[in-house]
Amino acid sequence: MKSDIIAGITVGVVLIPQAIAYALLMGVPPIYGLYACLVPLLLYAFFGTSRQLSIGPVAVTAILVMSGVSQLADPFTDKFVELVLFSGVLIGVLQIIMSVLRMGFLVNLISQPVISGFISAAAIIIIVSQLKEGLGLDIPRFAHTHQTIWYAIRHLLEINWLAFGICMFSIAVILILKKWKRSFPGALTVLVITTIAAYAFDLNTMGVAIIKDVPKGLPVFMVPEMSYDTMMALIPSVLTVTFIGYVGSIGIAKSLEMKNRDHIIRPNQELFALGIAKVIGAFFQAVPSSGSYSRSAINDEAGGKTTMSSIIAAIMVILSLLFLTSFFYYIPNATLAAIILVSVFGLINFSEAKYLFKLRRRDFIVMIITFVGTLAFGVEKGIFIGVILSFIFLQYYSSRPHIAELVNIPGTTYYRNINRFPDAMQSPDYLIIRFDNQLYFGNSSYFKDTIQEYISARDPLPKFLILDNTNMHDIDSTGLHVLEDIFQYLDDLEIQLLMVGTIGPVRDFLKRSGFTDRLGVDHYYLTIDDAVGYAENRTEHQEVHTAAVQFNKNRRSFLD
């Protein structure tokens, strides 16, 4: 209990300045960032399955919401705030629906290279968005990142050096304190120092922007304005925030689970917890929130063992709203920009790009194109480009799976790829082929063409084709038709087809289709060595091992 109180206080002093900063990044007044640290935090503490995950406003969610909603209303207007709160309701409802339908697996549709490329680009977009406050420049809102950069470059001589100095000072202090002790509240420290300086020297009169009035008191129940047309307009950003926010939160929760091994994360329950926190939170004026890696890590390092630490952090926000809002008046916007910049610097994942370049070039290409697409076309379109590209690559390589001719390693009963063991001898009597994928409509033609190429390349023709199915984990109706075509093709050439290592679900399918009986149960074997023994002995009849043709008469589901 004592460790949870300490952790909660530690997270609270980090959460308050971050909540204010991320609210401004989202395009809403600072008070709404603080509101997001109350009801959502308390609800997640009761419904969530992670003991250390700290939810609240985060940079990536803030820029996603800002990007989507700003197309419908101007930031910092009442209409914009209404739309942001409505977005929170929609995101939460979608996450609850996914939880009820046990659709947590859908987040796997977004690959890691897409996430890395998107988040790296989002970090740059966030950094560029803070040039206005960090440089003290009056930069207009532009549709594209490069326009903002070009404007800042052309007006460098007009920057407010005092605001710029506050930003650089804040960044330096936060980084130094973080290096000294990660859990030390560096953001709160610079917030106090610069706020006192802004008050004492009246920096507002020198062109340093401050946040000014922050309403006092707790949020009241309020139903945001909702309509069907608005919902349809918000759908692209809602879908993006739903998936990205959940992927980030579950990733943080899983990493803490693996580290501490004192609790179990249930993904569908996490979806429900995050969803209910957003829906009910929105009715208490809380903007959309997600899991924060930095605050969760601080919570863990400070000794947080239960969700009580999140409750303590929420209590600290309540006290701030009741008694400290008058002290927020002189907080410089340049300091808040510094807090955001330090938070997102680490999101630009150079190491992941370097790693993927060495490991797998197609994943590297997906990451880079997602990165460039996000910068060029915006966050929703960028991640859509990445997802589509991932599926194109997946479909391409799935349509051309690995197929190998196997040969016997001399002196053993093992059979391996002839390209890896070129000294092994082929048998003139049989050809062994291993197919390393499911057999479905996307690759069935490639499978058929490859088999025919192998057969045509043999002179004289083999008497047997031994098909190793140990890696064929599924087959659909198109694959079945191709298998029947191959059987007929081989039969016309007087070549016997022998099936080896066919796994249970595929055996069931082949049995139900009638293919097993057509081929003959005596043409199924458990191992390649068994099939080779039959081919070499030329026996008229072979005793069938029942396990090679065993099948399940009961279907597990309608979709089987």
Protein backbone atom coordinates (compact mmCIF):
# COMPACT_ATOMS: atom_id res chain seq x y z
CA MET A 1 0.00 0.00 0.00
CA LYS A 2 2.82 2.42 0.92
CA SER A 3 4.62 1.73 -2.37
CA ASP A 4 1.39 2.34 -4.32
CA ILE A 5 0.91 5.70 -2.60
CA ILE A 6 4.46 6.76 -3.42
CA ALA A 7 4.06 5.58 -7.03
CA GLY A 8 0.71 7.35 -7.35
CA ILE A 9 2.15 10.64 -6.12
CA THR A 10 5.14 10.27 -8.43
CA VAL A 11 2.92 9.60 -11.45
CA GLY A 12 0.59 12.43 -10.43
CA VAL A 13 3.31 15.09 -10.48
CA VAL A 14 4.32 13.90 -13.96
CA LEU A 15 0.74 13.53 -15.17
CA ILE A 16 -0.47 17.05 -14.36
CA PRO A 17 1.96 19.01 -16.59
CA GLN A 18 1.72 16.38 -19.34
CA ALA A 19 -2.09 16.52 -19.28
CA ILE A 20 -2.02 20.29 -19.71
CA ALA A 21 0.54 20.06 -22.54
CA TYR A 22 -1.23 17.27 -24.42
CA ALA A 23 -4.58 19.06 -24.17
CA LEU A 24 -3.06 22.02 -26.02
CA LEU A 25 -1.55 19.61 -28.55
CA MET A 26 -5.03 18.15 -29.08
CA GLY A 27 -6.44 21.62 -29.69
CA VAL A 28 -8.54 21.95 -26.52
CA PRO A 29 -8.11 24.18 -23.43
CA PRO A 30 -5.79 22.75 -20.72
CA ILE A 31 -8.63 21.97 -18.32
CA TYR A 32 -9.87 19.14 -20.56
CA GLY A 33 -6.51 17.38 -20.29
CA LEU A 34 -6.88 17.41 -16.51
CA TYR A 35 -10.45 16.17 -16.75
CA ALA A 36 -9.11 13.19 -18.74
CA CYS A 37 -7.09 12.19 -15.67
CA LEU A 38 -10.11 11.68 -13.44
CA VAL A 39 -12.99 9.43 -14.50
CA PRO A 40 -11.00 7.43 -17.09
CA LEU A 41 -8.21 6.74 -14.60
CA LEU A 42 -10.66 5.61 -11.91
CA LEU A 43 -12.68 3.41 -14.28
CA TYR A 44 -9.59 1.73 -15.68
CA ALA A 45 -8.39 1.05 -12.14
CA PHE A 46 -11.56 -1.02 -11.58
CA PHE A 47 -11.99 -2.67 -14.98
CA GLY A 48 -8.44 -2.95 -16.36
CA THR A 49 -6.23 -6.02 -16.01
CA SER A 50 -2.85 -4.25 -15.86
CA ARG A 51 -1.62 -3.20 -12.44
CA GLN A 52 0.91 -0.64 -13.65
CA LEU A 53 -0.59 0.81 -16.86
CA SER A 54 -1.16 4.55 -16.52
CA ILE A 55 -3.78 5.93 -18.89
CA GLY A 56 -4.47 9.54 -19.72
CA PRO A 57 -3.66 12.04 -22.46
CA VAL A 58 -0.74 10.93 -24.68
CA ALA A 59 1.02 12.67 -27.55
CA VAL A 60 0.14 10.26 -30.38
CA THR A 61 -3.56 10.12 -29.48
CA ALA A 62 -3.60 13.90 -29.16
CA ILE A 63 -2.18 14.50 -32.65
CA LEU A 64 -4.50 11.86 -34.15
CA VAL A 65 -7.58 13.52 -32.66
CA MET A 66 -6.31 16.96 -33.60
CA SER A 67 -5.68 15.88 -37.19
CA GLY A 68 -9.13 14.34 -37.63
CA VAL A 69 -11.32 16.83 -35.81
CA SER A 70 -9.54 19.93 -37.14
CA GLN A 71 -10.98 19.10 -40.58
CA LEU A 72 -14.45 19.80 -39.18
CA ALA A 73 -13.85 22.72 -36.79
CA ASP A 74 -11.17 25.15 -35.68
CA PRO A 75 -9.10 24.09 -32.64
CA PHE A 76 -9.86 25.70 -29.26
CA THR A 77 -13.43 26.55 -30.25
CA ASP A 78 -16.49 25.23 -28.43
CA LYS A 79 -17.48 23.29 -31.56
CA PHE A 80 -14.05 21.65 -31.69
CA VAL A 81 -14.29 20.59 -28.03
CA GLU A 82 -17.76 19.12 -28.65
CA LEU A 83 -16.40 17.07 -31.55
CA VAL A 84 -13.43 15.85 -29.53
CA LEU A 85 -15.73 14.65 -26.75
CA PHE A 86 -18.03 12.98 -29.28
CA SER A 87 -14.96 11.28 -30.77
CA GLY A 88 -14.18 9.91 -27.32
CA VAL A 89 -17.68 8.41 -27.10
CA LEU A 90 -17.36 6.80 -30.54
CA ILE A 91 -13.89 5.41 -29.85
CA GLY A 92 -15.06 3.98 -26.54
CA VAL A 93 -18.22 2.43 -28.01
CA LEU A 94 -16.18 0.81 -30.79
CA GLN A 95 -13.72 -0.64 -28.28
CA ILE A 96 -16.56 -2.00 -26.13
CA ILE A 97 -18.18 -3.62 -29.18
CA MET A 98 -14.85 -5.18 -30.12
CA SER A 99 -14.50 -6.46 -26.57
CA VAL A 100 -18.00 -8.01 -26.48
CA LEU A 101 -17.41 -9.68 -29.85
CA ARG A 102 -13.94 -10.77 -28.71
CA MET A 103 -12.34 -8.98 -31.62
CA GLY A 104 -9.10 -7.97 -29.93
CA PHE A 105 -7.28 -9.99 -32.58
CA LEU A 106 -8.15 -7.31 -35.17
CA VAL A 107 -5.32 -5.12 -33.93
CA ASN A 108 -2.99 -7.74 -35.40
CA LEU A 109 -4.00 -6.39 -38.81
CA ILE A 110 -1.59 -3.52 -38.14
CA SER A 111 1.95 -4.86 -38.44
CA GLN A 112 4.85 -3.64 -36.33
CA PRO A 113 6.63 -1.92 -39.27
CA VAL A 114 3.44 0.05 -39.98
CA ILE A 115 3.17 1.09 -36.33
CA SER A 116 6.86 2.05 -36.16
CA GLY A 117 6.71 4.07 -39.38
CA PHE A 118 3.49 5.78 -38.38
CA ILE A 119 4.58 6.68 -34.84
CA SER A 120 7.96 7.98 -36.08
CA ALA A 121 6.18 10.22 -38.59
CA ALA A 122 3.61 11.28 -35.98
CA ALA A 123 6.47 12.28 -33.67
CA ILE A 124 7.89 14.55 -36.38
CA ILE A 125 4.43 16.05 -37.01
CA ILE A 126 4.13 16.71 -33.27
CA ILE A 127 7.60 18.28 -33.14
CA VAL A 128 6.77 20.57 -36.07
CA SER A 129 3.43 21.49 -34.45
CA GLN A 130 5.36 22.82 -31.44
CA LEU A 131 7.54 25.22 -33.48
CA LYS A 132 4.96 27.95 -32.93
CA GLU A 133 5.26 27.83 -29.15
CA GLY A 134 8.90 26.78 -28.97
CA LEU A 135 10.08 29.61 -31.23
CA GLY A 136 7.48 32.14 -30.16
CA LEU A 137 6.43 32.58 -33.79
CA ASP A 138 2.91 33.30 -34.96
CA ILE A 139 2.75 30.41 -37.47
CA PRO A 140 -0.55 29.96 -39.35
CA ARG A 141 -2.14 26.52 -39.48
CA PHE A 142 -1.08 24.66 -42.61
CA ALA A 143 -2.44 21.44 -44.12
CA HIS A 144 1.02 19.89 -44.51
CA THR A 145 4.06 19.59 -42.26
CA HIS A 146 6.55 20.84 -44.84
CA GLN A 147 4.59 24.09 -45.19
CA THR A 148 4.96 24.77 -41.47
CA ILE A 149 8.69 24.03 -41.60
CA TRP A 150 9.19 26.29 -44.62
CA TYR A 151 7.27 29.13 -42.97
CA ALA A 152 9.37 28.82 -39.80
CA ILE A 153 12.60 28.88 -41.82
CA ARG A 154 11.53 31.99 -43.75
CA HIS A 155 10.66 33.82 -40.51
CA LEU A 156 13.55 32.71 -38.29
CA LEU A 157 14.62 36.31 -37.70
CA GLU A 158 11.21 37.00 -36.13
CA ILE A 159 11.41 34.40 -33.35
CA ASN A 160 10.93 35.45 -29.75
CA TRP A 161 14.31 34.66 -28.22
CA LEU A 162 12.91 34.71 -24.69
CA ALA A 163 10.30 32.05 -25.53
CA PHE A 164 12.93 30.07 -27.41
CA GLY A 165 15.28 30.30 -24.43
CA ILE A 166 12.57 29.09 -22.03
CA CYS A 167 11.89 26.12 -24.32
CA MET A 168 15.59 25.18 -24.64
CA PHE A 169 16.17 25.65 -20.89
CA SER A 170 13.19 23.43 -20.09
CA ILE A 171 14.33 20.70 -22.50
CA ALA A 172 17.85 20.73 -21.05
CA VAL A 173 16.66 20.55 -17.43
CA ILE A 174 14.17 17.76 -18.12
CA LEU A 175 16.79 15.68 -19.95
CA ILE A 176 19.42 16.21 -17.25
CA LEU A 177 17.00 15.31 -14.46
CA LYS A 178 15.74 12.28 -16.40
CA LYS A 179 19.31 11.05 -16.89
CA TRP A 180 19.99 11.55 -13.20
CA LYS A 181 16.81 9.82 -12.01
CA ARG A 182 14.07 8.66 -14.37
CA SER A 183 11.26 8.95 -11.85
CA PHE A 184 12.19 12.52 -10.81
CA PRO A 185 9.45 14.96 -11.90
CA GLY A 186 11.55 17.00 -14.32
CA ALA A 187 8.49 18.33 -16.18
CA LEU A 188 6.94 19.60 -12.95
CA THR A 189 10.26 21.14 -11.89
CA VAL A 190 10.64 23.26 -15.03
CA LEU A 191 6.94 24.09 -14.92
CA VAL A 192 7.34 25.57 -11.43
CA ILE A 193 10.58 27.42 -12.27
CA THR A 194 9.35 28.98 -15.50
CA THR A 195 5.92 29.82 -14.11
CA ILE A 196 7.49 31.67 -11.19
CA ALA A 197 9.80 33.47 -13.64
CA ALA A 198 6.87 34.39 -15.90
CA TYR A 199 4.96 35.80 -12.90
CA ALA A 200 7.93 37.60 -11.31
CA PHE A 201 9.18 39.26 -14.51
CA ASP A 202 5.79 39.61 -16.24
CA LEU A 203 7.11 37.75 -19.28
CA ASN A 204 3.70 37.92 -20.93
CA THR A 205 4.34 41.59 -21.74
CA MET A 206 7.57 40.55 -23.49
CA GLY A 207 5.81 38.31 -26.00
CA VAL A 208 5.98 35.04 -24.05
CA ALA A 209 2.62 33.30 -24.43
CA ILE A 210 1.05 31.88 -21.26
CA ILE A 211 -1.97 29.62 -20.84
CA LYS A 212 -3.90 32.13 -18.68
CA ASP A 213 -7.21 31.16 -17.05
CA VAL A 214 -7.83 27.54 -16.12
CA PRO A 215 -11.31 26.99 -14.63
CA LYS A 216 -11.48 25.82 -11.04
CA GLY A 217 -13.48 22.81 -9.89
CA LEU A 218 -14.42 19.30 -10.98
CA PRO A 219 -16.09 18.40 -14.28
CA VAL A 220 -19.86 18.15 -14.43
CA PHE A 221 -21.94 15.63 -16.34
CA MET A 222 -22.54 16.79 -19.89
CA VAL A 223 -23.82 15.03 -23.00
CA PRO A 224 -21.81 16.10 -26.06
CA GLU A 225 -23.69 17.02 -29.21
CA MET A 226 -24.13 13.96 -31.42
CA SER A 227 -25.42 13.43 -34.92
CA TYR A 228 -25.20 10.78 -37.63
CA ASP A 229 -23.53 13.12 -40.15
CA THR A 230 -20.90 14.13 -37.63
CA MET A 231 -20.28 10.50 -36.70
CA MET A 232 -19.67 9.55 -40.33
CA ALA A 233 -17.27 12.47 -40.75
CA LEU A 234 -15.33 11.40 -37.65
CA ILE A 235 -15.14 7.68 -38.55
CA PRO A 236 -11.64 7.78 -40.18
CA SER A 237 -9.98 9.37 -37.16
CA VAL A 238 -12.07 7.27 -34.75
CA LEU A 239 -10.90 4.04 -36.37
CA THR A 240 -7.28 5.19 -36.34
CA VAL A 241 -7.33 6.24 -32.68
CA THR A 242 -9.17 3.06 -31.70
CA PHE A 243 -6.58 0.75 -33.20
CA ILE A 244 -3.42 2.76 -32.54
CA GLY A 245 -4.47 3.60 -28.99
CA TYR A 246 -5.29 -0.03 -28.19
CA VAL A 247 -2.13 -1.39 -29.82
CA GLY A 248 -0.04 1.03 -27.79
CA SER A 249 -1.87 0.36 -24.53
CA ILE A 250 -1.86 -3.44 -24.84
CA GLY A 251 1.80 -3.36 -25.87
CA ILE A 252 2.75 -1.42 -22.74
CA ALA A 253 0.58 -3.63 -20.54
CA LYS A 254 2.07 -6.82 -22.02
CA SER A 255 5.64 -5.60 -21.52
CA LEU A 256 4.93 -4.83 -17.84
CA GLU A 257 3.24 -8.22 -17.46
CA MET A 258 6.32 -9.99 -18.81
CA LYS A 259 8.63 -7.95 -16.60
CA ASN A 260 6.77 -8.41 -13.30
CA ARG A 261 4.97 -11.74 -13.88
CA ASP A 262 2.52 -11.01 -11.07
CA HIS A 263 -0.67 -10.63 -13.13
CA ILE A 264 -2.20 -11.69 -16.45
CA ILE A 265 -3.31 -9.30 -19.20
CA ARG A 266 -6.61 -10.21 -20.87
CA PRO A 267 -6.78 -8.33 -24.19
CA ASN A 268 -10.56 -8.33 -24.58
CA GLN A 269 -11.01 -7.13 -21.01
CA GLU A 270 -8.47 -4.39 -21.73
CA LEU A 271 -10.57 -3.32 -24.69
CA PHE A 272 -13.63 -3.09 -22.46
CA ALA A 273 -11.76 -1.16 -19.75
CA LEU A 274 -10.33 1.36 -22.21
CA GLY A 275 -13.70 1.67 -23.95
CA ILE A 276 -15.80 2.22 -20.85
CA ALA A 277 -13.24 4.74 -19.57
CA LYS A 278 -13.61 6.77 -22.78
CA VAL A 279 -17.40 6.59 -23.03
CA ILE A 280 -18.20 7.56 -19.44
CA GLY A 281 -15.19 9.89 -19.32
CA ALA A 282 -16.52 11.83 -22.32
CA PHE A 283 -19.75 12.55 -20.42
CA PHE A 284 -17.55 14.14 -17.75
CA GLN A 285 -15.68 16.24 -20.34
CA ALA A 286 -12.64 13.94 -20.61
CA VAL A 287 -10.84 13.95 -23.96
CA PRO A 288 -9.73 10.56 -25.42
CA SER A 289 -6.92 8.91 -23.49
CA SER A 290 -4.60 5.93 -23.92
CA GLY A 291 -1.85 4.09 -22.11
CA SER A 292 1.33 6.12 -21.57
CA TYR A 293 4.67 4.31 -21.78
CA SER A 294 6.62 6.94 -19.86
CA ARG A 295 4.13 7.27 -17.00
CA SER A 296 3.58 3.49 -16.82
CA ALA A 297 7.34 2.95 -16.61
CA ILE A 298 7.62 5.58 -13.87
CA ASN A 299 4.71 3.95 -12.03
CA ASP A 300 6.47 0.60 -12.19
CA GLU A 301 9.88 1.97 -11.18
CA ALA A 302 8.35 3.91 -8.27
CA GLY A 303 6.98 0.66 -6.83
CA GLY A 304 3.39 0.59 -8.06
CA LYS A 305 2.01 -2.91 -7.47
CA THR A 306 -1.75 -2.40 -7.84
CA THR A 307 -4.17 -0.03 -9.56
CA MET A 308 -4.33 1.90 -6.29
CA SER A 309 -1.44 4.00 -7.64
CA SER A 310 -3.73 5.23 -10.44
CA ILE A 311 -6.40 6.17 -7.90
CA ILE A 312 -3.82 8.16 -5.92
CA ALA A 313 -2.72 9.94 -9.14
CA ALA A 314 -6.37 10.83 -9.85
CA ILE A 315 -6.76 12.19 -6.31
CA MET A 316 -3.76 14.46 -6.92
CA VAL A 317 -5.44 15.81 -10.06
CA ILE A 318 -8.65 16.42 -8.07
CA LEU A 319 -6.70 18.43 -5.50
CA SER A 320 -5.06 20.42 -8.29
CA LEU A 321 -8.43 21.22 -9.86
CA LEU A 322 -9.86 22.32 -6.53
CA PHE A 323 -6.97 24.36 -5.14
CA LEU A 324 -4.17 24.96 -7.68
CA THR A 325 -5.72 26.17 -10.94
CA SER A 326 -4.97 29.81 -10.11
CA PHE A 327 -1.25 28.93 -10.15
CA PHE A 328 -1.55 27.63 -13.72
CA TYR A 329 -2.26 31.10 -15.14
CA TYR A 330 1.39 32.04 -15.80
CA ILE A 331 2.58 28.69 -17.21
CA PRO A 332 4.52 29.56 -20.41
CA ASN A 333 3.39 27.76 -23.54
CA ALA A 334 7.07 27.36 -24.42
CA THR A 335 7.50 25.16 -21.33
CA LEU A 336 4.58 22.98 -22.33
CA ALA A 337 6.08 22.71 -25.82
CA ALA A 338 9.33 21.54 -24.23
CA ILE A 339 7.48 18.86 -22.23
CA ILE A 340 5.86 17.58 -25.43
CA LEU A 341 9.12 17.67 -27.40
CA VAL A 342 11.01 15.65 -24.79
CA SER A 343 8.18 13.12 -24.70
CA VAL A 344 8.15 12.52 -28.46
CA PHE A 345 11.88 12.63 -29.27
CA GLY A 346 12.17 8.95 -28.33
CA LEU A 347 9.28 7.98 -30.61
CA ILE A 348 11.40 8.46 -33.75
CA ASN A 349 12.61 4.89 -34.11
CA PHE A 350 15.92 5.00 -36.01
CA SER A 351 17.07 1.72 -34.46
CA GLU A 352 13.99 -0.14 -35.69
CA ALA A 353 14.56 1.12 -39.24
CA LYS A 354 18.20 0.03 -39.14
CA TYR A 355 17.21 -3.34 -37.68
CA LEU A 356 14.55 -4.00 -40.33
CA PHE A 357 16.92 -2.95 -43.13
CA LYS A 358 19.32 -5.69 -42.07
CA LEU A 359 16.67 -8.25 -41.12
CA ARG A 360 13.97 -8.05 -43.81
CA ARG A 361 13.91 -5.45 -46.55
CA ARG A 362 10.19 -5.70 -47.30
CA ASP A 363 9.36 -4.79 -43.69
CA PHE A 364 11.80 -1.88 -43.97
CA ILE A 365 10.04 -0.72 -47.16
CA VAL A 366 6.64 -0.89 -45.42
CA MET A 367 7.97 1.17 -42.51
CA ILE A 368 9.54 3.84 -44.74
CA ILE A 369 6.53 4.17 -47.04
CA THR A 370 4.22 4.44 -44.01
CA PHE A 371 6.55 7.07 -42.58
CA VAL A 372 6.67 9.11 -45.79
CA GLY A 373 2.96 8.63 -46.47
CA THR A 374 2.04 9.90 -43.00
CA LEU A 375 4.20 12.99 -43.42
CA ALA A 376 2.96 13.68 -46.94
CA PHE A 377 -0.74 12.85 -46.71
CA GLY A 378 -1.64 12.99 -43.01
CA VAL A 379 -2.00 10.51 -40.17
CA GLU A 380 -5.15 8.63 -41.25
CA LYS A 381 -4.05 8.24 -44.87
CA GLY A 382 -0.51 7.37 -43.82
CA ILE A 383 -1.50 4.44 -41.67
CA PHE A 384 -4.02 3.31 -44.31
CA ILE A 385 -1.21 3.28 -46.88
CA GLY A 386 0.95 1.21 -44.54
CA VAL A 387 -1.79 -1.34 -43.82
CA ILE A 388 -2.65 -1.75 -47.51
CA LEU A 389 1.02 -2.12 -48.43
CA SER A 390 1.48 -4.75 -45.72
CA PHE A 391 -1.41 -6.77 -47.14
CA ILE A 392 -0.06 -6.44 -50.68
CA PHE A 393 3.29 -7.85 -49.55
CA LEU A 394 1.54 -10.53 -47.50
CA GLN A 395 -0.61 -11.57 -50.44
CA TYR A 396 2.32 -11.54 -52.86
CA TYR A 397 4.55 -13.77 -50.74
CA SER A 398 1.62 -15.95 -49.68
CA SER A 399 0.77 -16.49 -53.36
CA ARG A 400 4.32 -17.70 -54.02
CA PRO A 401 5.08 -19.89 -50.98
CA HIS A 402 8.22 -21.91 -50.42
CA ILE A 403 8.14 -25.27 -52.22
CA ALA A 404 11.11 -27.62 -51.90
CA GLU A 405 12.24 -30.88 -53.46
CA LEU A 406 13.45 -33.19 -50.69
CA VAL A 407 16.22 -35.76 -50.92
CA ASN A 408 17.54 -38.33 -48.49
CA ILE A 409 20.62 -37.44 -46.44
CA PRO A 410 22.82 -40.53 -46.98
CA GLY A 411 22.97 -42.92 -44.07
CA THR A 412 19.89 -41.41 -42.34
CA THR A 413 16.11 -41.45 -42.52
CA TYR A 414 16.01 -37.67 -42.86
CA TYR A 415 14.88 -35.84 -46.00
CA ARG A 416 15.88 -32.24 -46.63
CA ASN A 417 15.83 -29.52 -49.31
CA ILE A 418 18.02 -30.51 -52.26
CA ASN A 419 19.24 -26.92 -52.58
CA ARG A 420 20.76 -27.14 -49.10
CA PHE A 421 22.17 -30.63 -49.61
CA PRO A 422 23.22 -30.73 -53.30
CA ASP A 423 25.44 -33.80 -52.77
CA ALA A 424 22.46 -35.96 -51.82
CA MET A 425 21.22 -38.25 -54.58
CA GLN A 426 17.84 -38.04 -56.29
CA SER A 427 15.92 -41.26 -56.76
CA PRO A 428 14.76 -41.99 -60.31
CA ASP A 429 11.71 -43.76 -58.90
CA TYR A 430 10.14 -41.04 -56.82
CA LEU A 431 9.97 -37.26 -56.38
CA ILE A 432 9.42 -35.78 -52.91
CA ILE A 433 7.87 -32.30 -52.71
CA ARG A 434 7.25 -30.29 -49.54
CA PHE A 435 4.73 -27.43 -49.62
CA ASP A 436 5.27 -24.85 -46.86
CA ASN A 437 1.97 -23.02 -46.60
CA GLN A 438 -1.78 -23.39 -46.56
CA LEU A 439 -3.21 -24.38 -49.94
CA TYR A 440 -5.83 -21.78 -50.83
CA PHE A 441 -7.15 -19.75 -53.73
CA GLY A 442 -4.25 -17.28 -53.58
CA ASN A 443 -1.47 -19.81 -54.21
CA SER A 444 -3.18 -22.86 -55.68
CA SER A 445 -2.24 -22.02 -59.29
CA TYR A 446 1.39 -21.48 -58.28
CA PHE A 447 1.33 -24.83 -56.46
CA LYS A 448 -0.06 -26.64 -59.51
CA ASP A 449 2.39 -24.98 -61.94
CA THR A 450 5.36 -25.76 -59.70
CA ILE A 451 4.40 -29.44 -59.36
CA GLN A 452 4.08 -29.74 -63.14
CA GLU A 453 7.47 -28.05 -63.62
CA TYR A 454 9.13 -30.52 -61.24
CA ILE A 455 7.53 -33.47 -63.04
CA SER A 456 8.41 -32.15 -66.51
CA ALA A 457 12.04 -31.66 -65.48
CA ARG A 458 12.46 -35.38 -64.71
CA ASP A 459 13.57 -37.77 -67.43
CA PRO A 460 12.53 -40.51 -67.11
CA LEU A 461 9.39 -39.64 -65.20
CA PRO A 462 9.21 -40.85 -61.60
CA LYS A 463 6.74 -43.55 -60.61
CA PHE A 464 5.67 -41.76 -57.43
CA LEU A 465 5.11 -38.19 -56.29
CA ILE A 466 5.42 -38.06 -52.52
CA LEU A 467 3.73 -34.89 -51.25
CA ASP A 468 4.94 -33.87 -47.79
CA ASN A 469 2.01 -32.05 -46.17
CA THR A 470 3.46 -31.52 -42.70
CA ASN A 471 3.55 -27.74 -43.26
CA MET A 472 0.21 -27.52 -45.09
CA HIS A 473 -1.87 -26.24 -42.19
CA ASP A 474 -5.09 -25.53 -44.10
CA ILE A 475 -6.80 -26.03 -47.46
CA ASP A 476 -9.85 -24.42 -49.02
CA SER A 477 -12.19 -25.51 -51.83
CA THR A 478 -10.02 -23.94 -54.54
CA GLY A 479 -7.00 -25.76 -53.16
CA LEU A 480 -9.00 -29.00 -53.20
CA HIS A 481 -9.88 -28.56 -56.88
CA VAL A 482 -6.21 -28.01 -57.70
CA LEU A 483 -5.24 -31.09 -55.69
CA GLU A 484 -7.78 -33.09 -57.69
CA ASP A 485 -6.35 -31.66 -60.93
CA ILE A 486 -2.85 -32.69 -59.88
CA PHE A 487 -4.07 -36.18 -58.99
CA GLN A 488 -5.68 -36.51 -62.42
CA TYR A 489 -2.57 -35.09 -64.13
CA LEU A 490 -0.36 -37.64 -62.34
CA ASP A 491 -2.78 -40.48 -63.02
CA ASP A 492 -2.66 -39.72 -66.76
CA LEU A 493 1.15 -40.00 -66.56
CA GLU A 494 0.85 -43.23 -64.53
CA ILE A 495 2.46 -41.59 -61.50
CA GLN A 496 1.08 -42.50 -58.07
CA LEU A 497 0.40 -39.71 -55.58
CA LEU A 498 1.40 -40.49 -51.98
CA MET A 499 0.39 -38.12 -49.17
CA VAL A 500 2.64 -37.80 -46.11
CA GLY A 501 2.19 -36.13 -42.73
CA THR A 502 -1.23 -34.63 -43.48
CA ILE A 503 -2.39 -32.86 -40.32
CA GLY A 504 -5.79 -33.43 -38.69
CA PRO A 505 -7.81 -30.43 -39.96
CA VAL A 506 -6.64 -31.05 -43.54
CA ARG A 507 -7.39 -34.79 -43.22
CA ASP A 508 -10.89 -33.93 -42.04
CA PHE A 509 -11.46 -31.66 -45.03
CA LEU A 510 -10.12 -34.18 -47.55
CA LYS A 511 -12.25 -36.93 -46.01
CA ARG A 512 -15.44 -34.84 -46.12
CA SER A 513 -14.74 -33.89 -49.74
CA GLY A 514 -14.34 -37.52 -50.80
CA PHE A 515 -10.75 -36.99 -51.98
CA THR A 516 -9.34 -39.41 -49.40
CA ASP A 517 -11.47 -42.28 -50.71
CA ARG A 518 -10.77 -41.35 -54.33
CA LEU A 519 -7.01 -41.35 -53.79
CA GLY A 520 -7.19 -44.43 -51.62
CA VAL A 521 -6.47 -44.74 -47.91
CA ASP A 522 -3.41 -46.88 -48.70
CA HIS A 523 -1.77 -43.78 -50.23
CA TYR A 524 -1.52 -41.91 -46.89
CA TYR A 525 1.58 -42.22 -44.67
CA LEU A 526 2.77 -40.78 -41.41
CA THR A 527 6.39 -40.24 -42.48
CA ILE A 528 8.34 -39.76 -45.69
CA ASP A 529 10.39 -42.84 -44.84
CA ASP A 530 7.21 -44.95 -44.77
CA ALA A 531 6.18 -43.67 -48.20
CA VAL A 532 9.67 -44.17 -49.62
CA GLY A 533 9.67 -47.74 -48.27
CA TYR A 534 6.46 -48.41 -50.17
CA ALA A 535 7.82 -46.80 -53.35
CA GLU A 536 11.08 -48.74 -53.24
CA ASN A 537 9.55 -52.13 -52.34
CA ARG A 538 6.87 -51.95 -55.05
CA THR A 539 4.44 -53.87 -52.84
CA GLU A 540 1.00 -54.56 -54.22
CA HIS A 541 -0.71 -53.86 -50.93
CA GLN A 542 0.45 -51.73 -48.04
CA GLU A 543 -0.88 -52.00 -44.50
CA VAL A 544 -2.44 -48.65 -43.65
CA HIS A 545 -1.49 -46.98 -40.37
CA THR A 546 -4.83 -45.76 -38.98
CA ALA A 547 -3.29 -42.51 -37.67
CA ALA A 548 -2.43 -41.46 -41.24
CA VAL A 549 -6.10 -41.38 -42.28
CA GLN A 550 -7.85 -40.72 -38.96
CA PHE A 551 -10.40 -37.91 -39.19
CA ASN A 552 -12.82 -36.08 -36.93
CA LYS A 553 -16.46 -36.53 -37.85
CA ASN A 554 -17.60 -33.57 -35.73
CA ARG A 555 -17.01 -30.05 -36.98
CA ARG A 556 -15.88 -27.57 -34.35
CA SER A 557 -17.77 -24.64 -35.87
CA PHE A 558 -19.91 -23.62 -38.80
CA LEU A 559 -16.89 -21.89 -40.39
CA ASP A 560 -14.76 -25.06 -40.51
